[in-house]
N, C-alpha and C. Protein backbone atom coordinates (compact mmCIF):
# COMPACT_ATOMS: atom_id res chain seq x y z
N VAL A 1 71.86 -8.50 -29.40
CA VAL A 1 72.57 -7.63 -30.45
C VAL A 1 73.87 -7.65 -30.47
N ASP A 2 74.21 -7.10 -29.00
CA ASP A 2 75.81 -6.72 -29.11
C ASP A 2 76.48 -8.22 -29.32
N HIS A 3 76.10 -9.00 -28.80
CA HIS A 3 77.02 -10.56 -28.99
C HIS A 3 76.80 -10.70 -30.52
N MET A 4 75.84 -10.29 -31.24
CA MET A 4 75.92 -10.78 -32.53
C MET A 4 76.85 -9.88 -33.54
N ALA A 5 76.81 -8.51 -33.02
CA ALA A 5 77.31 -7.60 -33.79
C ALA A 5 78.97 -7.82 -34.40
N CYS A 6 79.95 -8.15 -33.57
CA CYS A 6 81.34 -8.23 -33.97
C CYS A 6 81.58 -9.78 -34.55
N PRO A 7 81.08 -10.83 -33.69
CA PRO A 7 81.56 -12.12 -34.38
C PRO A 7 81.05 -12.62 -35.60
N TYR A 8 79.46 -12.11 -35.55
CA TYR A 8 78.68 -12.67 -36.67
C TYR A 8 78.54 -11.43 -37.90
N PHE A 9 77.90 -10.37 -37.28
CA PHE A 9 77.71 -9.22 -38.63
C PHE A 9 79.11 -8.67 -38.90
N GLY A 10 79.97 -8.81 -38.15
CA GLY A 10 81.32 -8.21 -38.60
C GLY A 10 81.88 -9.20 -39.67
N ALA A 11 81.70 -10.34 -39.53
CA ALA A 11 82.27 -11.44 -40.65
C ALA A 11 81.22 -11.12 -41.79
N VAL A 12 80.01 -10.96 -41.57
CA VAL A 12 79.11 -10.87 -42.74
C VAL A 12 79.66 -9.82 -43.69
N TYR A 13 79.69 -8.54 -42.99
CA TYR A 13 80.32 -7.42 -43.64
C TYR A 13 81.57 -7.45 -44.22
N LEU A 14 82.56 -8.06 -43.43
CA LEU A 14 83.99 -8.32 -44.31
C LEU A 14 83.87 -9.08 -45.33
N THR A 15 83.05 -10.25 -45.10
CA THR A 15 82.89 -11.34 -46.31
C THR A 15 82.35 -10.47 -47.42
N LYS A 16 81.51 -9.83 -47.35
CA LYS A 16 81.00 -8.89 -48.35
C LYS A 16 81.75 -7.82 -48.96
N ALA A 17 82.52 -7.26 -48.21
CA ALA A 17 83.55 -6.41 -48.74
C ALA A 17 84.71 -6.91 -49.64
N PHE A 18 85.09 -8.24 -49.29
CA PHE A 18 86.03 -8.98 -50.07
C PHE A 18 85.37 -9.83 -51.41
N PHE A 19 84.25 -9.99 -51.16
CA PHE A 19 83.55 -11.03 -51.87
C PHE A 19 83.83 -10.71 -53.52
N GLU A 20 83.46 -9.48 -54.09
CA GLU A 20 83.57 -9.20 -55.33
C GLU A 20 84.99 -9.22 -55.78
N ASP A 21 85.97 -8.73 -55.09
CA ASP A 21 87.29 -9.19 -55.40
C ASP A 21 87.78 -10.68 -55.59
N PHE A 22 87.46 -11.27 -54.57
CA PHE A 22 87.57 -12.79 -54.58
C PHE A 22 86.92 -13.53 -55.81
N SER A 23 85.88 -13.00 -56.12
CA SER A 23 85.09 -13.59 -57.05
C SER A 23 85.57 -13.38 -58.43
N SER A 24 85.90 -12.12 -58.57
CA SER A 24 86.53 -11.72 -60.07
C SER A 24 87.95 -12.32 -60.19
N ARG A 25 88.69 -12.61 -59.27
CA ARG A 25 90.09 -13.29 -59.26
C ARG A 25 89.74 -15.01 -59.10
N LYS A 26 88.70 -15.53 -58.93
CA LYS A 26 88.62 -16.60 -58.79
C LYS A 26 89.38 -17.34 -57.61
N SER A 27 89.77 -16.67 -56.77
CA SER A 27 90.53 -16.96 -55.54
C SER A 27 90.71 -16.07 -54.53
N GLY A 28 90.89 -16.76 -52.93
CA GLY A 28 91.01 -16.05 -52.04
C GLY A 28 90.51 -16.94 -50.86
N HIS A 29 90.69 -16.57 -49.65
CA HIS A 29 90.40 -17.32 -48.51
C HIS A 29 89.69 -16.55 -47.43
N ILE A 30 88.52 -17.10 -46.91
CA ILE A 30 87.98 -16.45 -45.81
C ILE A 30 88.31 -17.35 -44.39
N LEU A 31 88.95 -16.32 -43.38
CA LEU A 31 89.17 -17.15 -42.03
C LEU A 31 88.09 -16.43 -40.99
N ASN A 32 87.23 -17.38 -40.75
CA ASN A 32 86.22 -16.99 -39.84
C ASN A 32 86.59 -17.65 -38.16
N VAL A 33 86.37 -16.90 -37.17
CA VAL A 33 86.85 -17.09 -35.79
C VAL A 33 85.77 -17.14 -34.95
N THR A 34 85.67 -18.36 -34.39
CA THR A 34 84.58 -18.70 -33.28
C THR A 34 85.33 -19.16 -31.95
N SER A 35 84.57 -19.76 -31.18
CA SER A 35 84.91 -20.45 -29.92
C SER A 35 84.29 -21.87 -29.72
N ALA A 36 85.09 -22.59 -28.77
CA ALA A 36 84.66 -23.85 -28.52
C ALA A 36 83.17 -23.74 -28.13
N ALA A 37 82.68 -22.69 -27.57
CA ALA A 37 81.29 -22.68 -27.17
C ALA A 37 80.24 -22.86 -28.17
N SER A 38 81.03 -22.72 -29.58
CA SER A 38 80.07 -23.18 -30.75
C SER A 38 79.75 -24.84 -30.83
N LEU A 39 80.34 -25.58 -30.00
CA LEU A 39 80.33 -26.98 -30.31
C LEU A 39 79.10 -27.47 -29.45
N ALA A 40 78.52 -26.98 -28.12
CA ALA A 40 77.60 -27.36 -27.72
C ALA A 40 77.02 -26.32 -26.63
N GLY A 41 75.69 -26.36 -26.51
CA GLY A 41 74.98 -25.41 -25.49
C GLY A 41 75.28 -25.33 -24.03
N PHE A 42 75.42 -24.54 -23.32
CA PHE A 42 75.61 -24.87 -21.89
C PHE A 42 74.77 -23.45 -21.32
N ARG A 43 74.50 -23.65 -19.98
CA ARG A 43 74.00 -22.54 -19.17
C ARG A 43 74.80 -21.50 -18.98
N GLY A 44 73.90 -20.23 -18.92
CA GLY A 44 74.83 -18.85 -18.78
C GLY A 44 75.29 -18.24 -19.93
N ALA A 45 75.23 -18.89 -20.95
CA ALA A 45 75.99 -18.48 -22.48
C ALA A 45 75.07 -18.00 -23.44
N ASN A 46 73.71 -17.90 -23.18
CA ASN A 46 73.04 -17.88 -24.49
C ASN A 46 73.16 -17.39 -25.86
N THR A 47 73.29 -15.70 -25.39
CA THR A 47 73.88 -14.79 -26.51
C THR A 47 75.07 -15.14 -27.01
N TYR A 48 76.16 -15.45 -26.04
CA TYR A 48 77.39 -15.46 -26.45
C TYR A 48 77.54 -16.94 -27.52
N GLY A 49 76.68 -17.80 -26.91
CA GLY A 49 76.86 -19.25 -27.75
C GLY A 49 76.14 -19.17 -29.04
N ALA A 50 74.93 -18.39 -28.99
CA ALA A 50 74.31 -18.30 -30.28
C ALA A 50 75.22 -17.66 -31.48
N ALA A 51 75.89 -16.46 -30.99
CA ALA A 51 76.65 -15.71 -31.89
C ALA A 51 77.87 -16.80 -32.33
N ARG A 52 78.30 -17.65 -31.43
CA ARG A 52 79.52 -18.41 -32.28
C ARG A 52 78.91 -19.70 -32.94
N TRP A 53 77.37 -20.07 -32.53
CA TRP A 53 77.07 -21.16 -33.43
C TRP A 53 76.65 -20.33 -34.80
N ALA A 54 76.34 -19.20 -34.89
CA ALA A 54 75.93 -18.54 -36.03
C ALA A 54 77.20 -18.46 -37.01
N MET A 55 78.41 -18.18 -36.46
CA MET A 55 79.55 -18.28 -37.31
C MET A 55 79.95 -19.62 -37.64
N ARG A 56 79.49 -20.58 -36.81
CA ARG A 56 79.81 -21.96 -37.29
C ARG A 56 79.09 -22.42 -38.44
N GLY A 57 77.75 -22.07 -38.66
CA GLY A 57 76.92 -22.09 -39.44
C GLY A 57 77.17 -21.23 -40.96
N MET A 58 77.42 -20.13 -40.64
CA MET A 58 77.96 -19.11 -41.66
C MET A 58 79.16 -19.67 -42.56
N SER A 59 79.84 -20.39 -41.54
CA SER A 59 81.31 -20.88 -42.45
C SER A 59 81.03 -22.26 -43.23
N GLN A 60 79.89 -22.91 -42.74
CA GLN A 60 79.72 -23.98 -43.38
C GLN A 60 78.89 -23.93 -44.70
N PHE A 61 78.02 -22.93 -44.54
CA PHE A 61 77.26 -22.43 -45.86
C PHE A 61 78.09 -21.70 -46.74
N LEU A 62 78.94 -20.99 -46.49
CA LEU A 62 79.79 -20.14 -47.40
C LEU A 62 80.85 -21.00 -48.02
N ARG A 63 81.29 -22.11 -47.37
CA ARG A 63 82.36 -22.95 -47.93
C ARG A 63 81.68 -24.05 -49.06
N ALA A 64 80.44 -24.20 -48.76
CA ALA A 64 79.59 -24.80 -49.83
C ALA A 64 79.22 -24.11 -51.08
N ASP A 65 78.77 -22.75 -50.66
CA ASP A 65 78.43 -21.84 -51.95
C ASP A 65 79.74 -21.06 -52.34
N LEU A 66 80.83 -21.33 -51.83
CA LEU A 66 81.90 -20.50 -52.61
C LEU A 66 82.99 -21.24 -53.10
N ALA A 67 82.81 -22.56 -53.03
CA ALA A 67 83.99 -23.81 -53.41
C ALA A 67 84.26 -23.68 -54.88
N ASP A 68 83.14 -23.60 -55.44
CA ASP A 68 83.05 -23.28 -57.07
C ASP A 68 83.71 -22.00 -57.73
N LEU A 69 83.63 -21.13 -56.81
CA LEU A 69 84.37 -19.87 -57.29
C LEU A 69 85.87 -19.57 -56.84
N GLY A 70 86.53 -21.09 -56.44
CA GLY A 70 87.90 -20.94 -55.98
C GLY A 70 88.03 -20.23 -54.74
N ILE A 71 87.29 -20.01 -53.82
CA ILE A 71 87.04 -19.35 -52.58
C ILE A 71 87.28 -20.20 -51.29
N GLY A 72 88.24 -20.34 -50.74
CA GLY A 72 88.28 -21.27 -49.49
C GLY A 72 87.54 -20.60 -48.23
N VAL A 73 87.21 -21.20 -47.34
CA VAL A 73 86.63 -20.77 -46.13
C VAL A 73 87.16 -21.65 -44.98
N THR A 74 87.70 -21.29 -44.19
CA THR A 74 88.25 -21.97 -42.92
C THR A 74 87.70 -21.32 -41.57
N LEU A 75 87.16 -22.20 -40.57
CA LEU A 75 86.73 -21.61 -39.40
C LEU A 75 87.65 -22.11 -38.33
N LEU A 76 88.11 -21.17 -37.46
CA LEU A 76 88.84 -21.28 -36.50
C LEU A 76 88.04 -21.44 -35.32
N ASN A 77 88.19 -22.68 -34.41
CA ASN A 77 87.35 -22.93 -33.20
C ASN A 77 88.01 -23.15 -32.17
N ALA A 78 88.46 -22.03 -31.54
CA ALA A 78 89.17 -22.15 -30.43
C ALA A 78 89.04 -22.23 -28.98
N SER A 79 89.63 -22.73 -27.89
CA SER A 79 89.30 -22.60 -26.70
C SER A 79 89.91 -21.31 -26.21
N GLU A 80 89.76 -21.21 -24.67
CA GLU A 80 90.40 -19.86 -24.27
C GLU A 80 91.83 -19.73 -24.65
N ILE A 81 92.28 -18.47 -25.05
CA ILE A 81 93.54 -18.29 -25.41
C ILE A 81 94.31 -17.31 -24.45
N SER A 82 95.33 -17.66 -23.91
CA SER A 82 96.09 -16.71 -22.95
C SER A 82 96.77 -15.68 -23.64
N GLY A 83 96.92 -14.86 -22.92
CA GLY A 83 97.55 -13.56 -23.23
C GLY A 83 96.69 -12.43 -23.70
N THR A 84 95.41 -12.47 -23.64
CA THR A 84 94.33 -11.69 -24.20
C THR A 84 94.09 -10.94 -22.71
N SER A 85 93.20 -9.85 -22.80
CA SER A 85 92.44 -9.24 -21.87
C SER A 85 91.00 -9.54 -21.65
N TYR A 86 90.32 -10.70 -22.15
CA TYR A 86 89.23 -11.15 -22.44
C TYR A 86 88.33 -11.29 -21.13
N PHE A 87 89.00 -11.95 -20.15
CA PHE A 87 88.56 -12.09 -18.91
C PHE A 87 88.93 -10.95 -17.82
N ASP A 88 89.39 -9.83 -18.41
CA ASP A 88 89.81 -8.60 -17.37
C ASP A 88 88.30 -8.14 -16.79
N ASN A 89 88.53 -7.56 -15.70
CA ASN A 89 87.19 -6.70 -15.14
C ASN A 89 87.37 -5.29 -15.90
N ALA A 90 86.73 -5.17 -17.05
CA ALA A 90 86.85 -3.92 -17.45
C ALA A 90 85.47 -3.69 -18.54
N PRO A 91 84.92 -2.44 -18.87
CA PRO A 91 83.83 -2.48 -19.64
C PRO A 91 84.23 -3.14 -20.88
N GLY A 92 83.28 -3.75 -21.54
CA GLY A 92 83.55 -4.44 -22.75
C GLY A 92 84.12 -5.89 -22.61
N LYS A 93 84.55 -6.15 -21.57
CA LYS A 93 85.25 -7.46 -21.21
C LYS A 93 84.28 -8.55 -20.49
N ALA A 94 84.72 -9.78 -20.45
CA ALA A 94 83.84 -10.85 -19.78
C ALA A 94 83.86 -10.83 -18.35
N GLY A 95 85.08 -10.42 -17.92
CA GLY A 95 85.13 -10.30 -16.33
C GLY A 95 85.77 -11.41 -15.70
N ALA A 96 86.36 -11.24 -15.04
CA ALA A 96 87.10 -12.50 -14.08
C ALA A 96 86.32 -13.48 -13.57
N ASP A 97 85.12 -12.84 -13.01
CA ASP A 97 84.11 -13.77 -12.51
C ASP A 97 83.39 -14.72 -13.49
N SER A 98 83.59 -14.58 -14.71
CA SER A 98 82.85 -15.14 -15.73
C SER A 98 83.50 -16.68 -15.70
N HIS A 99 84.65 -16.64 -15.37
CA HIS A 99 85.09 -18.20 -15.24
C HIS A 99 84.39 -19.04 -14.26
N ASP A 100 83.79 -18.53 -13.29
CA ASP A 100 82.88 -19.23 -12.55
C ASP A 100 81.69 -19.68 -12.84
N ARG A 101 81.13 -19.24 -14.25
CA ARG A 101 80.30 -19.35 -14.76
C ARG A 101 80.39 -20.65 -15.88
N ILE A 102 81.48 -21.07 -16.28
CA ILE A 102 81.89 -21.89 -17.36
C ILE A 102 81.63 -23.31 -16.79
N PRO A 103 81.01 -23.91 -17.49
CA PRO A 103 80.89 -25.34 -17.21
C PRO A 103 82.49 -25.98 -16.89
N TRP A 104 82.41 -27.11 -16.04
CA TRP A 104 83.67 -27.53 -15.74
C TRP A 104 84.46 -28.39 -17.09
N LEU A 105 83.70 -28.74 -18.03
CA LEU A 105 84.37 -29.31 -19.48
C LEU A 105 85.11 -28.02 -20.09
N PHE A 106 84.59 -27.01 -19.86
CA PHE A 106 85.25 -25.75 -20.63
C PHE A 106 86.38 -25.13 -19.99
N GLN A 107 86.29 -25.62 -18.66
CA GLN A 107 87.42 -25.03 -17.74
C GLN A 107 88.96 -25.97 -17.86
N LEU A 108 88.75 -27.13 -18.67
CA LEU A 108 89.87 -27.90 -18.83
C LEU A 108 91.09 -26.99 -19.28
N PRO A 109 90.73 -26.15 -20.32
CA PRO A 109 92.27 -25.34 -20.92
C PRO A 109 92.67 -24.62 -19.73
N ILE A 110 91.79 -23.99 -18.74
CA ILE A 110 92.44 -23.13 -17.65
C ILE A 110 93.21 -24.13 -16.67
N LEU A 111 92.57 -25.41 -16.35
CA LEU A 111 93.04 -26.13 -15.20
C LEU A 111 94.34 -26.96 -15.92
N THR A 112 94.32 -27.29 -17.07
CA THR A 112 95.30 -28.29 -17.63
C THR A 112 96.37 -27.42 -18.28
N TRP A 113 96.51 -26.09 -18.42
CA TRP A 113 97.33 -25.16 -19.25
C TRP A 113 97.59 -25.49 -20.48
N PHE A 114 96.50 -26.32 -21.14
CA PHE A 114 96.70 -26.74 -22.76
C PHE A 114 96.23 -25.73 -23.56
N ASN A 115 95.63 -24.36 -23.04
CA ASN A 115 95.02 -23.40 -23.71
C ASN A 115 96.13 -22.76 -24.66
N GLY A 116 95.69 -22.23 -25.78
CA GLY A 116 96.73 -21.77 -26.67
C GLY A 116 97.26 -20.23 -26.54
N THR A 117 98.18 -19.73 -26.99
CA THR A 117 98.48 -18.53 -26.71
C THR A 117 98.16 -17.75 -28.24
N THR A 118 98.24 -16.58 -28.16
CA THR A 118 97.97 -15.69 -29.21
C THR A 118 98.59 -16.18 -30.48
N GLN A 119 100.01 -16.30 -30.11
CA GLN A 119 100.76 -16.75 -31.29
C GLN A 119 100.67 -18.32 -31.81
N SER A 120 100.40 -19.18 -30.92
CA SER A 120 100.14 -20.66 -31.38
C SER A 120 98.88 -20.74 -31.98
N THR A 121 97.84 -19.92 -31.75
CA THR A 121 96.44 -20.03 -32.20
C THR A 121 96.46 -19.42 -33.68
N ALA A 122 97.15 -18.25 -33.87
CA ALA A 122 97.33 -17.65 -34.98
C ALA A 122 98.22 -18.78 -36.14
N ARG A 123 99.03 -19.35 -35.51
CA ARG A 123 99.70 -20.36 -36.36
C ARG A 123 98.87 -21.44 -36.82
N ALA A 124 98.09 -21.96 -35.88
CA ALA A 124 97.30 -22.85 -36.19
C ALA A 124 96.12 -22.50 -37.29
N ALA A 125 95.69 -21.46 -37.25
CA ALA A 125 94.73 -20.77 -38.24
C ALA A 125 95.39 -20.55 -39.42
N LEU A 126 96.54 -20.03 -39.54
CA LEU A 126 97.20 -19.82 -40.87
C LEU A 126 97.53 -21.27 -41.46
N ASN A 127 98.11 -22.11 -40.75
CA ASN A 127 98.28 -23.71 -41.33
C ASN A 127 96.75 -24.25 -41.79
N GLY A 128 95.88 -23.83 -41.26
CA GLY A 128 94.45 -24.40 -41.59
C GLY A 128 94.03 -23.43 -42.87
N VAL A 129 94.26 -22.27 -43.05
CA VAL A 129 93.93 -21.68 -44.42
C VAL A 129 94.91 -22.13 -45.19
N GLU A 130 96.16 -22.17 -45.07
CA GLU A 130 97.22 -22.78 -46.07
C GLU A 130 96.77 -24.29 -46.73
N GLY A 131 96.39 -25.12 -45.77
CA GLY A 131 96.18 -26.29 -45.91
C GLY A 131 94.47 -26.52 -46.38
N GLY A 132 93.69 -25.45 -46.68
CA GLY A 132 92.52 -25.50 -47.00
C GLY A 132 91.65 -26.30 -46.01
N THR A 133 91.81 -26.33 -44.89
CA THR A 133 91.02 -27.07 -43.80
C THR A 133 89.88 -26.29 -43.54
N ALA A 134 88.58 -27.02 -43.75
CA ALA A 134 87.47 -26.57 -43.22
C ALA A 134 87.06 -25.92 -41.94
N GLU A 135 87.66 -26.59 -40.66
CA GLU A 135 87.51 -26.11 -39.39
C GLU A 135 89.02 -26.62 -38.72
N VAL A 136 89.71 -25.69 -38.11
CA VAL A 136 90.69 -25.85 -37.20
C VAL A 136 90.16 -25.61 -35.78
N LEU A 137 90.17 -26.87 -35.17
CA LEU A 137 90.04 -27.25 -33.66
C LEU A 137 91.31 -26.85 -32.87
N TYR A 138 91.38 -25.74 -31.89
CA TYR A 138 92.50 -25.41 -31.38
C TYR A 138 92.43 -25.19 -30.04
N PRO A 139 93.29 -25.58 -28.93
CA PRO A 139 94.25 -26.58 -29.10
C PRO A 139 93.50 -27.94 -29.30
N GLN A 140 94.10 -28.55 -30.27
CA GLN A 140 93.33 -29.89 -30.92
C GLN A 140 93.33 -30.67 -29.67
N VAL A 141 94.39 -30.75 -28.94
CA VAL A 141 94.11 -31.94 -27.82
C VAL A 141 93.20 -32.02 -27.10
N LEU A 142 92.38 -30.41 -26.90
CA LEU A 142 91.26 -30.48 -26.09
C LEU A 142 90.11 -30.39 -26.90
N VAL A 143 90.16 -29.40 -27.84
CA VAL A 143 88.82 -29.45 -28.64
C VAL A 143 88.36 -30.51 -29.41
N ALA A 144 89.26 -31.29 -29.95
CA ALA A 144 88.91 -32.36 -31.11
C ALA A 144 88.13 -33.55 -30.45
N PRO A 145 88.84 -33.87 -29.01
CA PRO A 145 87.96 -34.84 -28.37
C PRO A 145 86.63 -34.46 -28.05
N PHE A 146 86.61 -33.21 -27.47
CA PHE A 146 85.24 -32.48 -27.18
C PHE A 146 84.25 -32.72 -28.26
N LYS A 147 84.58 -32.42 -29.34
CA LYS A 147 83.80 -32.12 -30.55
C LYS A 147 83.44 -33.51 -30.87
N LEU A 148 84.35 -34.56 -30.93
CA LEU A 148 83.88 -36.01 -31.14
C LEU A 148 82.86 -36.41 -30.40
N PHE A 149 83.23 -36.27 -28.91
CA PHE A 149 82.32 -36.70 -27.98
C PHE A 149 80.85 -36.13 -27.99
N GLY A 150 80.95 -34.95 -28.53
CA GLY A 150 79.69 -34.18 -28.72
C GLY A 150 78.72 -34.82 -29.91
N ASP A 151 79.99 -35.22 -31.10
CA ASP A 151 79.02 -35.55 -32.24
C ASP A 151 78.42 -37.23 -31.79
N LEU A 152 79.28 -37.74 -31.17
CA LEU A 152 78.96 -39.34 -30.77
C LEU A 152 78.09 -39.38 -29.74
N PHE A 153 78.07 -38.46 -28.65
CA PHE A 153 76.95 -38.66 -27.59
C PHE A 153 76.36 -37.61 -27.28
N PRO A 154 75.63 -36.76 -28.22
CA PRO A 154 75.17 -35.44 -28.00
C PRO A 154 74.42 -35.31 -26.46
N GLU A 155 73.43 -36.17 -26.21
CA GLU A 155 72.74 -36.11 -24.90
C GLU A 155 73.61 -36.26 -23.69
N LEU A 156 74.60 -37.22 -23.63
CA LEU A 156 75.27 -37.22 -22.61
C LEU A 156 76.27 -35.85 -22.47
N LEU A 157 76.73 -35.42 -23.60
CA LEU A 157 77.45 -34.01 -23.30
C LEU A 157 76.61 -33.04 -22.75
N HIS A 158 75.33 -33.13 -23.11
CA HIS A 158 74.28 -31.92 -22.65
C HIS A 158 74.22 -32.22 -21.04
N HIS A 159 74.08 -33.48 -20.88
CA HIS A 159 73.99 -33.42 -19.41
C HIS A 159 75.35 -33.26 -18.59
N CYS A 160 76.51 -33.31 -19.22
CA CYS A 160 77.71 -33.11 -18.48
C CYS A 160 77.91 -31.78 -18.29
N LEU A 161 77.48 -30.82 -19.72
CA LEU A 161 77.64 -29.41 -19.53
C LEU A 161 76.64 -28.86 -18.43
N ARG A 162 75.71 -29.64 -17.86
CA ARG A 162 74.74 -29.07 -16.87
C ARG A 162 75.48 -29.10 -15.53
N LEU A 163 76.61 -29.72 -15.41
CA LEU A 163 77.08 -30.03 -14.20
C LEU A 163 78.26 -28.58 -13.76
N GLY A 164 78.12 -28.10 -12.93
CA GLY A 164 78.80 -26.96 -12.37
C GLY A 164 77.75 -25.91 -12.07
N PRO A 165 78.05 -24.67 -12.22
CA PRO A 165 77.65 -23.47 -11.97
C PRO A 165 76.09 -23.34 -12.63
N LYS A 166 75.16 -22.76 -12.23
CA LYS A 166 73.90 -22.66 -13.05
C LYS A 166 74.02 -21.56 -14.01
N GLY A 167 74.71 -20.41 -14.01
CA GLY A 167 74.92 -19.58 -14.88
C GLY A 167 73.91 -18.43 -14.63
N ARG A 168 73.35 -17.47 -15.65
CA ARG A 168 72.36 -16.56 -15.53
C ARG A 168 71.04 -17.30 -16.24
N ARG A 169 69.91 -16.88 -15.71
CA ARG A 169 68.73 -17.38 -16.26
C ARG A 169 67.90 -16.00 -16.31
């Protein structure tokens, strides 16, 4: 419930709050934010990943439902963003040891220093909104090939994501 509260239900309630105004104006744009974890299931992240998949699905359905009303929907699908306190060891944070539970494929941004900053991620999201893009994969150099690989070879991706730590069961 906690993992669904902010990313999914927060987006549902915000969308509902703005819908009437957007609908009456026949314009507006919704930006939903999710994680690269929405692209494939991996061990140790059941509720986190499910909440991110829910955002992905909600965005796709909203985009279909709201297009004829002139309301755009963009999903920002980002890997780890540097410059945040998400992995700090503090209440409500993921904790530094959570990196140890991430499959090696999801550690690429950490290992390669390709992860986005808060500023570059926000810029990519804004460009997606302004361009009417359905989904922004950021950083594109990492997330886009990962998504393509998963779309083309889902079973192989499933097996690759099983490499590394066992996560929580």
